[in-house]
Each structure stands twice: as structure tokens, then as C-alpha cells.
Amino acid sequence: MHIKGTEKLREKLPSYSGRKIIFISLIAISSITVGALLYVFMNLMRYFFPENEFIILIEPILPILFQMLLLSSGFFLVSTMWSRKVKLLENDHRRAYEIGAIPGCI
């Protein structure tokens, strides 16, 4: 099985060659899982705290607020990497994308 773009990805991330490239998939899967669990928790919050009137009041807009929170954090991660890209390309062209990610993400 050949995935399109794998060679280009390995060029951009030389430290993640071979089997280490699986870590990127694990990070993506764990991020999706955490996001889904948080989404379920936000939707079930009124059952966990039935006496809290504030949660009952904002319950109709909780899914929208949560989606806005997830989107803004995703945009923040992408924008920080791309804003640092030019400087990193000048300093270390071979590893610019690898060290350009926020530490802990890759």
C-alpha cells in the first residue's frame, strides 16, 4: 500500500523516518479521541450537574462554544507554525518543518 505524499513528508521530517512516522498518526488519533470525549462531556454536562442553573441556561449554545474553542485552538497551532516557518527555513532548511511545530505536538 502506497500513500500519496509519504516521500515528501519524510523529506520534511527527517527525524521521523521509517517506523517513527507512525507517531504522527498516533498524535492525530489521540487528538480526535480527546476532542470527541470532550464533546460528549460538554453535551452531557447538564446530567452531571443538574442543580447548576448556569449550565442549564447555556446548554443550548454549549456545542457552538465548544466547536469555536476547538477551531480557535487549531487555528492557533497552525498560525504559530506558519508564522515561524520563514525564520526556521533561513536557519535550518532541512529540519525547519520538524522544529517548527509546537513542542509536544510532533
N, C-alpha and C. Protein backbone atom coordinates (compact mmCIF):
# COMPACT_ATOMS: atom_id res chain seq x y z
N MET A 1 0.84 -1.17 0.00
CA MET A 1 0.00 0.00 0.00
C MET A 1 0.89 1.23 0.00
N HIS A 2 0.62 2.14 -0.92
CA HIS A 2 1.42 3.36 -1.05
C HIS A 2 0.51 4.57 -0.83
N ILE A 3 0.88 5.38 0.14
CA ILE A 3 0.11 6.58 0.43
C ILE A 3 0.77 7.75 -0.28
N LYS A 4 -0.02 8.49 -1.02
CA LYS A 4 0.48 9.62 -1.80
C LYS A 4 1.03 10.70 -0.86
N GLY A 5 2.24 11.16 -1.13
CA GLY A 5 2.84 12.22 -0.35
C GLY A 5 3.74 11.76 0.79
N THR A 6 3.88 10.45 0.97
CA THR A 6 4.69 9.95 2.08
C THR A 6 6.16 10.33 1.92
N GLU A 7 6.66 10.26 0.70
CA GLU A 7 8.06 10.62 0.47
C GLU A 7 8.31 12.09 0.78
N LYS A 8 7.38 12.95 0.39
CA LYS A 8 7.52 14.38 0.65
C LYS A 8 7.47 14.65 2.16
N LEU A 9 6.62 13.94 2.88
CA LEU A 9 6.53 14.09 4.33
C LEU A 9 7.83 13.65 4.98
N ARG A 10 8.42 12.57 4.51
CA ARG A 10 9.69 12.10 5.07
C ARG A 10 10.83 13.06 4.76
N GLU A 11 10.75 13.77 3.64
CA GLU A 11 11.75 14.79 3.35
C GLU A 11 11.64 15.95 4.34
N LYS A 12 10.42 16.33 4.68
CA LYS A 12 10.19 17.46 5.57
C LYS A 12 10.50 17.11 7.03
N LEU A 13 10.30 15.84 7.41
CA LEU A 13 10.53 15.40 8.78
C LEU A 13 11.57 14.28 8.80
N PRO A 14 12.87 14.62 8.65
CA PRO A 14 13.88 13.57 8.55
C PRO A 14 14.05 12.74 9.82
N SER A 15 13.78 13.29 10.99
CA SER A 15 13.92 12.51 12.22
C SER A 15 12.82 11.47 12.38
N TYR A 16 11.75 11.62 11.63
CA TYR A 16 10.64 10.68 11.71
C TYR A 16 10.61 9.75 10.51
N SER A 17 11.77 9.27 10.12
CA SER A 17 11.81 8.34 9.00
C SER A 17 11.57 6.92 9.51
N GLY A 18 11.22 6.04 8.61
CA GLY A 18 10.96 4.65 8.97
C GLY A 18 9.68 4.50 9.76
N ARG A 19 9.76 3.74 10.83
CA ARG A 19 8.57 3.46 11.64
C ARG A 19 8.19 4.61 12.56
N LYS A 20 9.07 5.58 12.76
CA LYS A 20 8.75 6.71 13.64
C LYS A 20 7.64 7.58 13.07
N ILE A 21 7.36 7.45 11.80
CA ILE A 21 6.31 8.25 11.17
C ILE A 21 4.93 7.88 11.72
N ILE A 22 4.84 6.72 12.36
CA ILE A 22 3.58 6.28 12.97
C ILE A 22 3.19 7.21 14.11
N PHE A 23 4.17 7.87 14.74
CA PHE A 23 3.85 8.80 15.84
C PHE A 23 2.93 9.92 15.38
N ILE A 24 3.08 10.36 14.15
CA ILE A 24 2.21 11.42 13.64
C ILE A 24 0.76 10.94 13.58
N SER A 25 0.58 9.69 13.15
CA SER A 25 -0.77 9.12 13.12
C SER A 25 -1.33 8.95 14.52
N LEU A 26 -0.50 8.53 15.46
CA LEU A 26 -0.96 8.37 16.84
C LEU A 26 -1.35 9.70 17.46
N ILE A 27 -0.61 10.75 17.14
CA ILE A 27 -0.96 12.08 17.64
C ILE A 27 -2.31 12.52 17.08
N ALA A 28 -2.53 12.26 15.79
CA ALA A 28 -3.80 12.65 15.17
C ALA A 28 -4.96 11.85 15.78
N ILE A 29 -4.78 10.55 15.94
CA ILE A 29 -5.84 9.70 16.50
C ILE A 29 -6.13 10.09 17.94
N SER A 30 -5.09 10.36 18.74
CA SER A 30 -5.33 10.74 20.12
C SER A 30 -5.99 12.11 20.21
N SER A 31 -5.65 13.03 19.31
CA SER A 31 -6.30 14.35 19.31
C SER A 31 -7.78 14.23 18.98
N ILE A 32 -8.10 13.39 18.00
CA ILE A 32 -9.51 13.17 17.64
C ILE A 32 -10.26 12.54 18.80
N THR A 33 -9.63 11.58 19.48
CA THR A 33 -10.29 10.90 20.60
C THR A 33 -10.54 11.87 21.76
N VAL A 34 -9.55 12.67 22.10
CA VAL A 34 -9.73 13.65 23.18
C VAL A 34 -10.80 14.66 22.81
N GLY A 35 -10.80 15.13 21.58
CA GLY A 35 -11.83 16.06 21.14
C GLY A 35 -13.23 15.47 21.21
N ALA A 36 -13.36 14.21 20.80
CA ALA A 36 -14.68 13.55 20.86
C ALA A 36 -15.13 13.35 22.30
N LEU A 37 -14.22 12.97 23.18
CA LEU A 37 -14.59 12.79 24.59
C LEU A 37 -14.99 14.12 25.23
N LEU A 38 -14.26 15.18 24.92
CA LEU A 38 -14.65 16.49 25.44
C LEU A 38 -16.00 16.95 24.90
N TYR A 39 -16.25 16.63 23.65
CA TYR A 39 -17.54 17.00 23.05
C TYR A 39 -18.69 16.26 23.75
N VAL A 40 -18.49 14.98 24.01
CA VAL A 40 -19.52 14.20 24.71
C VAL A 40 -19.71 14.74 26.13
N PHE A 41 -18.61 15.08 26.80
CA PHE A 41 -18.72 15.63 28.15
C PHE A 41 -19.47 16.96 28.15
N MET A 42 -19.19 17.79 27.16
CA MET A 42 -19.89 19.08 27.10
C MET A 42 -21.39 18.88 26.86
N ASN A 43 -21.74 17.87 26.08
CA ASN A 43 -23.15 17.64 25.82
C ASN A 43 -23.86 16.99 27.01
N LEU A 44 -23.12 16.25 27.82
CA LEU A 44 -23.73 15.58 28.96
C LEU A 44 -23.51 16.32 30.28
N MET A 45 -22.98 17.52 30.21
CA MET A 45 -22.66 18.25 31.42
C MET A 45 -23.89 18.54 32.28
N ARG A 46 -25.02 18.76 31.67
CA ARG A 46 -26.23 19.07 32.47
C ARG A 46 -26.69 17.87 33.29
N TYR A 47 -26.35 16.66 32.86
CA TYR A 47 -26.69 15.48 33.64
C TYR A 47 -25.74 15.28 34.81
N PHE A 48 -24.49 15.73 34.66
CA PHE A 48 -23.53 15.63 35.74
C PHE A 48 -23.77 16.68 36.82
N PHE A 49 -24.24 17.85 36.41
CA PHE A 49 -24.50 18.96 37.33
C PHE A 49 -25.95 19.43 37.17
N PRO A 50 -26.93 18.64 37.60
CA PRO A 50 -28.33 19.01 37.35
C PRO A 50 -28.80 20.22 38.16
N GLU A 51 -28.16 20.53 39.28
CA GLU A 51 -28.61 21.65 40.10
C GLU A 51 -27.98 22.97 39.71
N ASN A 52 -27.02 22.95 38.81
CA ASN A 52 -26.36 24.18 38.39
C ASN A 52 -27.21 24.88 37.33
N GLU A 53 -27.78 26.01 37.69
CA GLU A 53 -28.68 26.72 36.79
C GLU A 53 -27.94 27.39 35.63
N PHE A 54 -26.68 27.77 35.85
CA PHE A 54 -25.92 28.41 34.78
C PHE A 54 -25.68 27.45 33.62
N ILE A 55 -25.35 26.21 33.93
CA ILE A 55 -25.14 25.21 32.88
C ILE A 55 -26.43 24.93 32.13
N ILE A 56 -27.54 24.88 32.85
CA ILE A 56 -28.83 24.66 32.19
C ILE A 56 -29.16 25.86 31.29
N LEU A 57 -28.77 27.05 31.72
CA LEU A 57 -29.05 28.25 30.93
C LEU A 57 -28.23 28.29 29.64
N ILE A 58 -26.95 27.91 29.69
CA ILE A 58 -26.10 27.99 28.50
C ILE A 58 -26.06 26.69 27.70
N GLU A 59 -26.82 25.69 28.13
CA GLU A 59 -26.80 24.40 27.44
C GLU A 59 -27.09 24.47 25.94
N PRO A 60 -28.03 25.26 25.48
CA PRO A 60 -28.28 25.29 24.03
C PRO A 60 -27.11 25.79 23.19
N ILE A 61 -26.24 26.62 23.78
CA ILE A 61 -25.13 27.13 22.98
C ILE A 61 -23.81 26.44 23.28
N LEU A 62 -23.78 25.45 24.18
CA LEU A 62 -22.54 24.75 24.51
C LEU A 62 -21.89 24.08 23.29
N PRO A 63 -22.63 23.38 22.42
CA PRO A 63 -21.96 22.79 21.26
C PRO A 63 -21.29 23.82 20.35
N ILE A 64 -21.93 24.96 20.18
CA ILE A 64 -21.34 26.01 19.35
C ILE A 64 -20.09 26.58 20.02
N LEU A 65 -20.16 26.82 21.33
CA LEU A 65 -19.00 27.34 22.04
C LEU A 65 -17.83 26.35 21.99
N PHE A 66 -18.13 25.07 22.15
CA PHE A 66 -17.08 24.06 22.12
C PHE A 66 -16.43 23.98 20.74
N GLN A 67 -17.24 24.03 19.71
CA GLN A 67 -16.67 24.00 18.35
C GLN A 67 -15.82 25.24 18.08
N MET A 68 -16.26 26.38 18.58
CA MET A 68 -15.46 27.59 18.42
C MET A 68 -14.13 27.47 19.18
N LEU A 69 -14.15 26.84 20.34
CA LEU A 69 -12.93 26.63 21.11
C LEU A 69 -11.97 25.71 20.37
N LEU A 70 -12.48 24.61 19.82
CA LEU A 70 -11.63 23.69 19.07
C LEU A 70 -11.07 24.34 17.81
N LEU A 71 -11.89 25.06 17.08
CA LEU A 71 -11.41 25.72 15.87
C LEU A 71 -10.37 26.78 16.16
N SER A 72 -10.58 27.55 17.21
CA SER A 72 -9.61 28.60 17.53
C SER A 72 -8.29 28.00 18.00
N SER A 73 -8.32 26.90 18.74
CA SER A 73 -7.06 26.27 19.14
C SER A 73 -6.35 25.67 17.93
N GLY A 74 -7.08 25.10 16.99
CA GLY A 74 -6.47 24.58 15.77
C GLY A 74 -5.86 25.68 14.93
N PHE A 75 -6.58 26.79 14.77
CA PHE A 75 -6.03 27.92 14.02
C PHE A 75 -4.80 28.49 14.71
N PHE A 76 -4.80 28.50 16.04
CA PHE A 76 -3.64 28.99 16.78
C PHE A 76 -2.42 28.11 16.51
N LEU A 77 -2.58 26.79 16.56
CA LEU A 77 -1.47 25.88 16.30
C LEU A 77 -0.91 26.06 14.90
N VAL A 78 -1.79 26.14 13.92
CA VAL A 78 -1.34 26.28 12.53
C VAL A 78 -0.70 27.64 12.30
N SER A 79 -1.28 28.69 12.84
CA SER A 79 -0.72 30.03 12.61
C SER A 79 0.64 30.20 13.26
N THR A 80 0.84 29.61 14.44
CA THR A 80 2.16 29.73 15.07
C THR A 80 3.22 28.99 14.26
N MET A 81 2.88 27.86 13.70
CA MET A 81 3.87 27.14 12.90
C MET A 81 4.19 27.91 11.62
N TRP A 82 3.18 28.41 10.94
CA TRP A 82 3.43 29.11 9.68
C TRP A 82 4.07 30.47 9.88
N SER A 83 3.82 31.11 11.01
CA SER A 83 4.48 32.40 11.25
C SER A 83 5.96 32.23 11.56
N ARG A 84 6.34 31.10 12.09
CA ARG A 84 7.74 30.82 12.38
C ARG A 84 8.45 30.16 11.21
N LYS A 85 7.74 29.77 10.18
CA LYS A 85 8.31 28.98 9.09
C LYS A 85 9.42 29.69 8.35
N VAL A 86 9.26 30.95 8.03
CA VAL A 86 10.26 31.67 7.24
C VAL A 86 11.57 31.76 8.01
N LYS A 87 11.50 32.11 9.27
CA LYS A 87 12.71 32.22 10.09
C LYS A 87 13.39 30.87 10.22
N LEU A 88 12.63 29.82 10.42
CA LEU A 88 13.21 28.49 10.56
C LEU A 88 13.79 27.99 9.25
N LEU A 89 13.18 28.35 8.12
CA LEU A 89 13.73 27.95 6.83
C LEU A 89 15.08 28.62 6.58
N GLU A 90 15.26 29.85 7.06
CA GLU A 90 16.54 30.53 6.91
C GLU A 90 17.61 29.89 7.79
N ASN A 91 17.24 29.52 9.02
CA ASN A 91 18.22 28.98 9.96
C ASN A 91 18.60 27.53 9.64
N ASP A 92 17.65 26.67 9.47
CA ASP A 92 17.92 25.24 9.27
C ASP A 92 16.91 24.71 8.27
N HIS A 93 17.26 24.77 6.99
CA HIS A 93 16.31 24.42 5.92
C HIS A 93 15.86 22.96 6.01
N ARG A 94 16.75 22.06 6.35
CA ARG A 94 16.41 20.63 6.32
C ARG A 94 15.40 20.27 7.41
N ARG A 95 15.51 20.88 8.59
CA ARG A 95 14.65 20.50 9.71
C ARG A 95 13.65 21.59 10.08
N ALA A 96 13.36 22.51 9.19
CA ALA A 96 12.52 23.65 9.53
C ALA A 96 11.10 23.23 9.91
N TYR A 97 10.53 22.30 9.18
CA TYR A 97 9.16 21.89 9.49
C TYR A 97 9.11 21.02 10.73
N GLU A 98 10.18 20.30 10.98
CA GLU A 98 10.22 19.43 12.14
C GLU A 98 10.28 20.22 13.44
N ILE A 99 11.15 21.23 13.49
CA ILE A 99 11.27 22.03 14.71
C ILE A 99 10.29 23.19 14.71
N GLY A 100 9.57 23.39 13.62
CA GLY A 100 8.62 24.48 13.54
C GLY A 100 7.33 24.19 14.26
N ALA A 101 7.05 22.91 14.46
CA ALA A 101 5.82 22.55 15.19
C ALA A 101 6.01 22.89 16.66
N ILE A 102 4.92 23.17 17.32
CA ILE A 102 4.96 23.46 18.74
C ILE A 102 5.44 22.22 19.47
N PRO A 103 6.43 22.36 20.38
CA PRO A 103 6.95 21.18 21.08
C PRO A 103 5.83 20.41 21.78
N GLY A 104 5.85 19.11 21.61
CA GLY A 104 4.83 18.26 22.19
C GLY A 104 3.77 17.85 21.18
N CYS A 105 3.64 18.57 20.07
CA CYS A 105 2.67 18.19 19.05
C CYS A 105 3.24 17.11 18.14
N ILE A 106 4.51 17.24 17.81
CA ILE A 106 5.17 16.20 16.99
C ILE A 106 6.45 15.81 17.68
